[in-house]
Every structure is written in structure tokens, then in C-alpha cells.
Amino acid sequence: MWIVRLALRRPYTFVVMALLIAILGVISIANTPTDVFPFINIPVAGVIWSYPGMSPDDMAKRVLLVSERAMTTTVNGIEHIEATSYNGIGLIRVYLQPGSNIDLAISQIVAVSQTLLRALPPGIFPPLVVQYDASSVPILQLGLSSNTLTEQELYDYGQNFIRTRLSTVPGISVPLPYGGKVRGVMVDLNPGALFGKGLSATDVSNALNVQNLILPTGTVKVGTREYLIQLNSSPETDIGP
């Protein structure tokens, strides 16, 4: 009970200390930063594969399964792996042991994913590898629908107009639109004409890929003037039969 006897002998000292603690407490509460989703060091990495048009079954067997097997031999400290496949999208969640180095694991996942591209279906892009934390959980989803616009126009509107305006909000992270269709050029082929020329649809596809070029061509000087030369052989509208 020595502290009680000390307080009785020096009452003013304890009164000043109590007032000082109260003042510092109020100042600390006012200056303490708050966050709805504070940063939490969760050792979980997400691997997102994208291949538009691929069925969930093919995505699981031809992409996710190959990727999971490769990760088990190259990534350190794996606790368990979960995978979910959707239409054109494959998601792998890699749970690490407590205390594992998440940055090292992500770098190992990125490295092994690059080596798998040649063994996966042709044309697939490298995956998006991200770290899970509380702030990456979506809190707002915006859906677009229209009775007059096509799916391609809706996707273009959400990607190039709505998303760019939302990205200026402080602290916001806006992902790419999910769903819809990306604008593309459709080529209608005449099977009879192809057969008569001894060609196949693959030959037409290869010819379009070779000729669909956008190259810088520089300028040309004619007399006292310099003109900009444009070479754009990328088709802009539908090509009929």
C-alpha cells in the first residue's frame, strides 16, 4: 500500500499526473488513424488465370491442375491450396504456413507461372498474382445493363468511361470489368470458296494476323513541307463474305 501513502503525502503530484494522462489520452484518440479494413498480414496469395471462352471443366483440368502441381514443387511454406474455376476464369488461393515470407512466395509463383505458358493452351496470358488482405475485399459492386446497348458497348462503356471516373476517388481500387464481351472483328468465311482455293480457316486466320499491323512509318519531306505518314492496316468494321 506504499502507493496510497505516497499519494496522501504528495496529493498535488498525483492530481497533475491524472490531468496529464487525461489530456494525453484525448489527444491520442483524436490523432489515432482509423480504417474500416485495416492491413492484416495474411499469408495468402491469389493466382488468377484468364482464358475467355474456356469452360470451367477445361480450366480446372488443363490450367489450374497444372499450375497447382508446379507450385507444390517450387513455392516454399505451402499450408494448403484451394482452386475454383469459372467460365474463362480460374482462381487459385495459396495458403502459406504462419510466419512465411509472402513476398518470396509471390515471386516464386510468378516465376513458375511464366515457365508453364508453353505447356498450357496456346494463347493464354500470364496470371495475375496478388496478395490477399482485408482491404482487397470488395465492398461495392456496380452492375451495368441496357435495353439498347450491346454487350460489347456495355463493356467498353464500363472499361473506358465509368472505371476511369471512379479511379479518381481517394483510396479506391477499381478492378477491370467482369463479364460482357470485348469488341472484335468477325470474319465470315465461304467454305465452298475456301475449298476451291485449297485453303482452310487456319490459313485465313494466319493471313489476318500477319496483315493486321500498326507500325510507325515516320514522315516524308516534299518541298518545304513535312508530312506524317500513317500506316494502319487494322480492320475497323465487320468483314463480310
C-alpha atoms as a PDB file:
ATOM      1  CA  MET A   1       0.000   0.000   0.000  1.00  0.00           C
ATOM      2  CA  TRP A   2       3.015   2.239  -0.362  1.00  0.00           C
ATOM      3  CA  ILE A   3       1.499   3.975  -3.393  1.00  0.00           C
ATOM      4  CA  VAL A   4      -1.509   5.041  -1.304  1.00  0.00           C
ATOM      5  CA  ARG A   5       0.739   6.543   1.378  1.00  0.00           C
ATOM      6  CA  LEU A   6       2.776   8.305  -1.331  1.00  0.00           C
ATOM      7  CA  ALA A   7      -0.412   9.748  -2.846  1.00  0.00           C
ATOM      8  CA  LEU A   8      -1.541  11.046   0.544  1.00  0.00           C
ATOM      9  CA  ARG A   9       1.813  12.732   1.122  1.00  0.00           C
ATOM     10  CA  ARG A  10       2.005  14.265  -2.383  1.00  0.00           C
ATOM     11  CA  PRO A  11      -1.608  14.896  -3.500  1.00  0.00           C
ATOM     12  CA  TYR A  12      -0.777  17.687  -5.961  1.00  0.00           C
ATOM     13  CA  THR A  13       1.717  15.486  -7.824  1.00  0.00           C
ATOM     14  CA  PHE A  14      -0.903  12.780  -8.415  1.00  0.00           C
ATOM     15  CA  VAL A  15      -3.536  15.311  -9.431  1.00  0.00           C
ATOM     16  CA  VAL A  16      -1.178  16.746 -12.058  1.00  0.00           C
ATOM     17  CA  MET A  17      -0.330  13.234 -13.283  1.00  0.00           C
ATOM     18  CA  ALA A  18      -4.020  12.347 -13.590  1.00  0.00           C
ATOM     19  CA  LEU A  19      -4.738  15.527 -15.548  1.00  0.00           C
ATOM     20  CA  LEU A  20      -1.738  14.873 -17.805  1.00  0.00           C
ATOM     21  CA  ILE A  21      -2.891  11.311 -18.538  1.00  0.00           C
ATOM     22  CA  ALA A  22      -6.397  12.534 -19.348  1.00  0.00           C
ATOM     23  CA  ILE A  23      -5.113  15.267 -21.704  1.00  0.00           C
ATOM     24  CA  LEU A  24      -2.716  12.903 -23.490  1.00  0.00           C
ATOM     25  CA  GLY A  25      -5.479  10.316 -23.804  1.00  0.00           C
ATOM     26  CA  VAL A  26      -7.814  12.773 -25.537  1.00  0.00           C
ATOM     27  CA  ILE A  27      -5.034  13.905 -27.881  1.00  0.00           C
ATOM     28  CA  SER A  28      -4.159  10.299 -28.749  1.00  0.00           C
ATOM     29  CA  ILE A  29      -7.784   9.428 -29.518  1.00  0.00           C
ATOM     30  CA  ALA A  30      -8.120  12.452 -31.794  1.00  0.00           C
ATOM     31  CA  ASN A  31      -4.906  11.677 -33.715  1.00  0.00           C
ATOM     32  CA  THR A  32      -5.214   7.895 -33.964  1.00  0.00           C
ATOM     33  CA  PRO A  33      -5.836   6.882 -37.597  1.00  0.00           C
ATOM     34  CA  THR A  34      -8.814   4.621 -38.243  1.00  0.00           C
ATOM     35  CA  ASP A  35      -9.581   2.291 -41.125  1.00  0.00           C
ATOM     36  CA  VAL A  36     -12.637   0.201 -41.860  1.00  0.00           C
ATOM     37  CA  PHE A  37     -10.382  -2.504 -43.289  1.00  0.00           C
ATOM     38  CA  PRO A  38      -7.012  -2.284 -41.524  1.00  0.00           C
ATOM     39  CA  PHE A  39      -3.999  -4.005 -43.025  1.00  0.00           C
ATOM     40  CA  ILE A  40      -3.680  -7.582 -41.794  1.00  0.00           C
ATOM     41  CA  ASN A  41      -0.672  -9.670 -42.724  1.00  0.00           C
ATOM     42  CA  ILE A  42      -2.446 -12.768 -44.031  1.00  0.00           C
ATOM     43  CA  PRO A  43      -0.056 -15.213 -45.754  1.00  0.00           C
ATOM     44  CA  VAL A  44      -2.391 -15.975 -48.676  1.00  0.00           C
ATOM     45  CA  ALA A  45      -1.613 -15.419 -52.352  1.00  0.00           C
ATOM     46  CA  GLY A  46      -4.168 -15.434 -55.148  1.00  0.00           C
ATOM     47  CA  VAL A  47      -3.386 -16.588 -58.691  1.00  0.00           C
ATOM     48  CA  ILE A  48      -5.938 -15.561 -61.332  1.00  0.00           C
ATOM     49  CA  TRP A  49      -5.792 -17.250 -64.745  1.00  0.00           C
ATOM     50  CA  SER A  50      -7.856 -15.819 -67.590  1.00  0.00           C
ATOM     51  CA  TYR A  51      -8.741 -17.509 -70.879  1.00  0.00           C
ATOM     52  CA  PRO A  52     -12.009 -16.155 -72.343  1.00  0.00           C
ATOM     53  CA  GLY A  53     -14.273 -18.852 -73.732  1.00  0.00           C
ATOM     54  CA  MET A  54     -12.757 -21.820 -71.895  1.00  0.00           C
ATOM     55  CA  SER A  55     -15.241 -23.962 -69.976  1.00  0.00           C
ATOM     56  CA  PRO A  56     -14.866 -24.393 -66.205  1.00  0.00           C
ATOM     57  CA  ASP A  57     -14.044 -28.095 -66.646  1.00  0.00           C
ATOM     58  CA  ASP A  58     -11.230 -27.411 -69.113  1.00  0.00           C
ATOM     59  CA  MET A  59      -9.991 -24.524 -66.978  1.00  0.00           C
ATOM     60  CA  ALA A  60      -9.754 -26.833 -63.958  1.00  0.00           C
ATOM     61  CA  LYS A  61      -8.069 -29.741 -65.760  1.00  0.00           C
ATOM     62  CA  ARG A  62      -5.865 -28.018 -68.320  1.00  0.00           C
ATOM     63  CA  VAL A  63      -4.788 -24.887 -66.436  1.00  0.00           C
ATOM     64  CA  LEU A  64      -5.417 -24.966 -62.687  1.00  0.00           C
ATOM     65  CA  LEU A  65      -4.296 -28.558 -62.121  1.00  0.00           C
ATOM     66  CA  VAL A  66      -1.024 -28.000 -63.998  1.00  0.00           C
ATOM     67  CA  SER A  67      -0.396 -24.765 -62.108  1.00  0.00           C
ATOM     68  CA  GLU A  68      -1.105 -26.333 -58.701  1.00  0.00           C
ATOM     69  CA  ARG A  69       1.288 -29.216 -59.307  1.00  0.00           C
ATOM     70  CA  ALA A  70       4.053 -26.829 -60.331  1.00  0.00           C
ATOM     71  CA  MET A  71       3.540 -24.654 -57.240  1.00  0.00           C
ATOM     72  CA  THR A  72       3.885 -27.589 -54.848  1.00  0.00           C
ATOM     73  CA  THR A  73       7.441 -28.165 -56.103  1.00  0.00           C
ATOM     74  CA  THR A  74       8.667 -24.556 -56.230  1.00  0.00           C
ATOM     75  CA  VAL A  75       6.830 -22.481 -53.587  1.00  0.00           C
ATOM     76  CA  ASN A  76       8.088 -22.699 -50.006  1.00  0.00           C
ATOM     77  CA  GLY A  77       5.842 -22.972 -46.945  1.00  0.00           C
ATOM     78  CA  ILE A  78       2.547 -24.021 -48.531  1.00  0.00           C
ATOM     79  CA  GLU A  79      -0.113 -24.979 -45.971  1.00  0.00           C
ATOM     80  CA  HIS A  80      -2.814 -25.903 -48.491  1.00  0.00           C
ATOM     81  CA  ILE A  81      -4.140 -24.834 -51.898  1.00  0.00           C
ATOM     82  CA  GLU A  82      -7.717 -24.121 -52.993  1.00  0.00           C
ATOM     83  CA  ALA A  83      -8.850 -23.668 -56.588  1.00  0.00           C
ATOM     84  CA  THR A  84     -12.097 -22.511 -58.185  1.00  0.00           C
ATOM     85  CA  SER A  85     -12.840 -22.479 -61.910  1.00  0.00           C
ATOM     86  CA  TYR A  86     -15.394 -20.371 -63.737  1.00  0.00           C
ATOM     87  CA  ASN A  87     -16.204 -19.766 -67.376  1.00  0.00           C
ATOM     88  CA  GLY A  88     -12.954 -18.312 -68.710  1.00  0.00           C
ATOM     89  CA  ILE A  89     -11.571 -17.598 -65.217  1.00  0.00           C
ATOM     90  CA  GLY A  90      -9.526 -19.767 -62.844  1.00  0.00           C
ATOM     91  CA  LEU A  91      -8.701 -18.740 -59.261  1.00  0.00           C
ATOM     92  CA  ILE A  92      -6.073 -20.450 -57.087  1.00  0.00           C
ATOM     93  CA  ARG A  93      -5.660 -19.495 -53.421  1.00  0.00           C
ATOM     94  CA  VAL A  94      -2.303 -20.488 -51.948  1.00  0.00           C
ATOM     95  CA  TYR A  95      -2.379 -20.576 -48.128  1.00  0.00           C
ATOM     96  CA  LEU A  96       1.061 -20.394 -46.521  1.00  0.00           C
ATOM     97  CA  GLN A  97       2.325 -21.514 -43.136  1.00  0.00           C
ATOM     98  CA  PRO A  98       2.181 -18.858 -40.363  1.00  0.00           C
ATOM     99  CA  GLY A  99       5.249 -16.654 -40.497  1.00  0.00           C
ATOM    100  CA  SER A 100       6.034 -17.451 -44.128  1.00  0.00           C
ATOM    101  CA  ASN A 101       7.524 -14.787 -46.365  1.00  0.00           C
ATOM    102  CA  ILE A 102       4.610 -13.805 -48.599  1.00  0.00           C
ATOM    103  CA  ASP A 103       6.792 -11.674 -50.900  1.00  0.00           C
ATOM    104  CA  LEU A 104       9.117 -14.617 -51.568  1.00  0.00           C
ATOM    105  CA  ALA A 105       6.153 -16.899 -52.230  1.00  0.00           C
ATOM    106  CA  ILE A 106       4.625 -14.443 -54.722  1.00  0.00           C
ATOM    107  CA  SER A 107       7.916 -14.132 -56.591  1.00  0.00           C
ATOM    108  CA  GLN A 108       8.187 -17.934 -56.762  1.00  0.00           C
ATOM    109  CA  ILE A 109       4.605 -18.228 -58.036  1.00  0.00           C
ATOM    110  CA  VAL A 110       5.243 -15.618 -60.724  1.00  0.00           C
ATOM    111  CA  ALA A 111       8.456 -17.361 -61.813  1.00  0.00           C
ATOM    112  CA  VAL A 112       6.912 -20.831 -62.102  1.00  0.00           C
ATOM    113  CA  SER A 113       3.806 -19.469 -63.837  1.00  0.00           C
ATOM    114  CA  GLN A 114       5.946 -17.989 -66.600  1.00  0.00           C
ATOM    115  CA  THR A 115       7.531 -21.362 -67.295  1.00  0.00           C
ATOM    116  CA  LEU A 116       4.100 -23.030 -67.602  1.00  0.00           C
ATOM    117  CA  LEU A 117       2.852 -20.917 -70.506  1.00  0.00           C
ATOM    118  CA  ARG A 118       4.324 -23.231 -73.153  1.00  0.00           C
ATOM    119  CA  ALA A 119       2.613 -26.255 -71.597  1.00  0.00           C
ATOM    120  CA  LEU A 120      -0.796 -24.572 -71.261  1.00  0.00           C
ATOM    121  CA  PRO A 121      -3.382 -23.990 -74.028  1.00  0.00           C
ATOM    122  CA  PRO A 122      -1.970 -21.695 -76.735  1.00  0.00           C
ATOM    123  CA  GLY A 123      -2.766 -18.005 -76.439  1.00  0.00           C
ATOM    124  CA  ILE A 124      -3.253 -17.933 -72.659  1.00  0.00           C
ATOM    125  CA  PHE A 125      -1.849 -14.923 -70.829  1.00  0.00           C
ATOM    126  CA  PRO A 126       0.299 -14.996 -67.667  1.00  0.00           C
ATOM    127  CA  PRO A 127      -1.756 -14.990 -64.456  1.00  0.00           C
ATOM    128  CA  LEU A 128      -2.373 -12.091 -62.130  1.00  0.00           C
ATOM    129  CA  VAL A 129      -0.744 -12.835 -58.754  1.00  0.00           C
ATOM    130  CA  VAL A 130      -1.964 -10.774 -55.781  1.00  0.00           C
ATOM    131  CA  GLN A 131      -1.743 -10.885 -52.003  1.00  0.00           C
ATOM    132  CA  TYR A 132      -4.951 -11.220 -50.021  1.00  0.00           C
ATOM    133  CA  ASP A 133      -5.673  -8.746 -47.243  1.00  0.00           C
ATOM    134  CA  ALA A 134      -8.768  -7.237 -45.685  1.00  0.00           C
ATOM    135  CA  SER A 135      -8.630  -4.170 -47.918  1.00  0.00           C
ATOM    136  CA  SER A 136      -8.867  -6.286 -51.083  1.00  0.00           C
ATOM    137  CA  VAL A 137     -12.375  -7.490 -50.228  1.00  0.00           C
ATOM    138  CA  PRO A 138     -14.904  -5.699 -52.473  1.00  0.00           C
ATOM    139  CA  ILE A 139     -17.382  -3.523 -50.577  1.00  0.00           C
ATOM    140  CA  LEU A 140     -19.296  -2.192 -53.587  1.00  0.00           C
ATOM    141  CA  GLN A 141     -20.280  -3.833 -56.851  1.00  0.00           C
ATOM    142  CA  LEU A 142     -21.750  -1.932 -59.779  1.00  0.00           C
ATOM    143  CA  GLY A 143     -23.765  -3.756 -62.424  1.00  0.00           C
ATOM    144  CA  LEU A 144     -24.445  -2.404 -65.903  1.00  0.00           C
ATOM    145  CA  SER A 145     -27.444  -3.278 -68.054  1.00  0.00           C
ATOM    146  CA  SER A 146     -29.109  -1.747 -71.072  1.00  0.00           C
ATOM    147  CA  ASN A 147     -32.002  -2.389 -73.417  1.00  0.00           C
ATOM    148  CA  THR A 148     -30.327  -0.589 -76.316  1.00  0.00           C
ATOM    149  CA  LEU A 149     -26.570  -1.172 -75.989  1.00  0.00           C
ATOM    150  CA  THR A 150     -24.836  -4.421 -76.930  1.00  0.00           C
ATOM    151  CA  GLU A 151     -22.601  -6.402 -74.581  1.00  0.00           C
ATOM    152  CA  GLN A 152     -19.526  -5.050 -76.355  1.00  0.00           C
ATOM    153  CA  GLU A 153     -20.708  -1.471 -75.961  1.00  0.00           C
ATOM    154  CA  LEU A 154     -21.519  -2.010 -72.269  1.00  0.00           C
ATOM    155  CA  TYR A 155     -18.070  -3.475 -71.627  1.00  0.00           C
ATOM    156  CA  ASP A 156     -16.425  -0.591 -73.477  1.00  0.00           C
ATOM    157  CA  TYR A 157     -18.510   1.949 -71.551  1.00  0.00           C
ATOM    158  CA  GLY A 158     -17.643   0.418 -68.172  1.00  0.00           C
ATOM    159  CA  GLN A 159     -13.964  -0.002 -69.005  1.00  0.00           C
ATOM    160  CA  ASN A 160     -13.194   3.351 -70.622  1.00  0.00           C
ATOM    161  CA  PHE A 161     -15.677   5.756 -69.023  1.00  0.00           C
ATOM    162  CA  ILE A 162     -17.129   4.616 -65.686  1.00  0.00           C
ATOM    163  CA  ARG A 163     -13.937   2.977 -64.411  1.00  0.00           C
ATOM    164  CA  THR A 164     -11.755   5.986 -65.240  1.00  0.00           C
ATOM    165  CA  ARG A 165     -14.022   8.330 -63.296  1.00  0.00           C
ATOM    166  CA  LEU A 166     -14.238   6.058 -60.270  1.00  0.00           C
ATOM    167  CA  SER A 167     -10.439   5.699 -60.175  1.00  0.00           C
ATOM    168  CA  THR A 168     -10.087   9.346 -59.087  1.00  0.00           C
ATOM    169  CA  VAL A 169     -11.769   8.674 -55.722  1.00  0.00           C
ATOM    170  CA  PRO A 170      -9.068   8.811 -52.979  1.00  0.00           C
ATOM    171  CA  GLY A 171      -8.065   5.375 -51.697  1.00  0.00           C
ATOM    172  CA  ILE A 172     -10.217   3.418 -54.141  1.00  0.00           C
ATOM    173  CA  SER A 173      -9.042   0.408 -56.127  1.00  0.00           C
ATOM    174  CA  VAL A 174     -11.201  -0.368 -59.155  1.00  0.00           C
ATOM    175  CA  PRO A 175     -10.647  -3.732 -60.892  1.00  0.00           C
ATOM    176  CA  LEU A 176     -11.334  -4.467 -64.533  1.00  0.00           C
ATOM    177  CA  PRO A 177     -14.967  -5.103 -65.532  1.00  0.00           C
ATOM    178  CA  TYR A 178     -16.092  -8.725 -65.308  1.00  0.00           C
ATOM    179  CA  GLY A 179     -18.456 -10.103 -67.883  1.00  0.00           C
ATOM    180  CA  GLY A 180     -19.636  -8.701 -71.164  1.00  0.00           C
ATOM    181  CA  LYS A 181     -17.781  -9.087 -74.420  1.00  0.00           C
ATOM    182  CA  VAL A 182     -14.737  -7.340 -75.790  1.00  0.00           C
ATOM    183  CA  ARG A 183     -15.192  -5.736 -79.184  1.00  0.00           C
ATOM    184  CA  GLY A 184     -13.789  -7.815 -82.007  1.00  0.00           C
ATOM    185  CA  VAL A 185     -13.831  -8.186 -85.760  1.00  0.00           C
ATOM    186  CA  MET A 186     -15.824 -11.108 -87.148  1.00  0.00           C
ATOM    187  CA  VAL A 187     -14.790 -12.630 -90.468  1.00  0.00           C
ATOM    188  CA  ASP A 188     -17.484 -14.649 -92.273  1.00  0.00           C
ATOM    189  CA  LEU A 189     -15.916 -17.357 -94.441  1.00  0.00           C
ATOM    190  CA  ASN A 190     -17.275 -19.054 -97.547  1.00  0.00           C
ATOM    191  CA  PRO A 191     -16.477 -22.789 -97.150  1.00  0.00           C
ATOM    192  CA  GLY A 192     -17.058 -23.506-100.851  1.00  0.00           C
ATOM    193  CA  ALA A 193     -14.690 -20.764-101.971  1.00  0.00           C
ATOM    194  CA  LEU A 194     -12.070 -21.883 -99.457  1.00  0.00           C
ATOM    195  CA  PHE A 195     -12.281 -25.462-100.693  1.00  0.00           C
ATOM    196  CA  GLY A 196     -11.947 -24.295-104.292  1.00  0.00           C
ATOM    197  CA  LYS A 197      -8.786 -22.363-103.425  1.00  0.00           C
ATOM    198  CA  GLY A 198      -7.376 -25.199-101.344  1.00  0.00           C
ATOM    199  CA  LEU A 199      -7.395 -23.098 -98.172  1.00  0.00           C
ATOM    200  CA  SER A 200      -8.651 -23.594 -94.631  1.00  0.00           C
ATOM    201  CA  ALA A 201      -9.919 -21.328 -91.873  1.00  0.00           C
ATOM    202  CA  THR A 202      -6.476 -21.523 -90.266  1.00  0.00           C
ATOM    203  CA  ASP A 203      -4.888 -20.061 -93.412  1.00  0.00           C
ATOM    204  CA  VAL A 204      -7.291 -17.111 -93.295  1.00  0.00           C
ATOM    205  CA  SER A 205      -6.581 -16.572 -89.585  1.00  0.00           C
ATOM    206  CA  ASN A 206      -2.823 -16.609 -90.168  1.00  0.00           C
ATOM    207  CA  ALA A 207      -3.162 -14.172 -93.073  1.00  0.00           C
ATOM    208  CA  LEU A 208      -5.185 -11.743 -90.938  1.00  0.00           C
ATOM    209  CA  ASN A 209      -2.673 -11.941 -88.089  1.00  0.00           C
ATOM    210  CA  VAL A 210       0.205 -11.188 -90.457  1.00  0.00           C
ATOM    211  CA  GLN A 211      -1.572  -8.280 -92.167  1.00  0.00           C
ATOM    212  CA  ASN A 212      -3.168  -6.791 -89.037  1.00  0.00           C
ATOM    213  CA  LEU A 213      -0.271  -4.452 -88.331  1.00  0.00           C
ATOM    214  CA  ILE A 214       0.066  -0.970 -86.875  1.00  0.00           C
ATOM    215  CA  LEU A 215       3.616   0.260 -87.474  1.00  0.00           C
ATOM    216  CA  PRO A 216       5.308   3.658 -87.113  1.00  0.00           C
ATOM    217  CA  THR A 217       6.321   4.942 -90.536  1.00  0.00           C
ATOM    218  CA  GLY A 218       7.791   8.351 -89.767  1.00  0.00           C
ATOM    219  CA  THR A 219       7.484  11.361 -92.033  1.00  0.00           C
ATOM    220  CA  VAL A 220       8.243  12.375 -95.594  1.00  0.00           C
ATOM    221  CA  LYS A 221       9.516  15.738 -96.803  1.00  0.00           C
ATOM    222  CA  VAL A 222       8.054  17.124-100.014  1.00  0.00           C
ATOM    223  CA  GLY A 223       9.405  20.501-100.926  1.00  0.00           C
ATOM    224  CA  THR A 224       9.162  22.825 -97.972  1.00  0.00           C
ATOM    225  CA  ARG A 225       6.674  20.707 -96.083  1.00  0.00           C
ATOM    226  CA  GLU A 226       6.970  17.579 -93.951  1.00  0.00           C
ATOM    227  CA  TYR A 227       4.046  15.146 -93.912  1.00  0.00           C
ATOM    228  CA  LEU A 228       3.208  12.489 -91.349  1.00  0.00           C
ATOM    229  CA  ILE A 229       2.703   9.058 -92.908  1.00  0.00           C
ATOM    230  CA  GLN A 230       0.128   6.780 -91.345  1.00  0.00           C
ATOM    231  CA  LEU A 231       0.086   3.027 -91.893  1.00  0.00           C
ATOM    232  CA  ASN A 232      -2.788   1.306 -90.123  1.00  0.00           C
ATOM    233  CA  SER A 233      -3.912  -1.995 -91.626  1.00  0.00           C
ATOM    234  CA  SER A 234      -6.010  -2.973 -88.623  1.00  0.00           C
ATOM    235  CA  PRO A 235      -9.642  -3.631 -89.666  1.00  0.00           C
ATOM    236  CA  GLU A 236     -12.241  -1.444 -88.008  1.00  0.00           C
ATOM    237  CA  THR A 237     -15.562  -2.873 -89.224  1.00  0.00           C
ATOM    238  CA  ASP A 238     -17.064  -6.271 -89.904  1.00  0.00           C
ATOM    239  CA  ILE A 239     -15.758  -8.091 -92.955  1.00  0.00           C
ATOM    240  CA  GLY A 240     -18.479  -9.766 -94.969  1.00  0.00           C
ATOM    241  CA  PRO A 241     -18.230 -12.965 -97.024  1.00  0.00           C
END
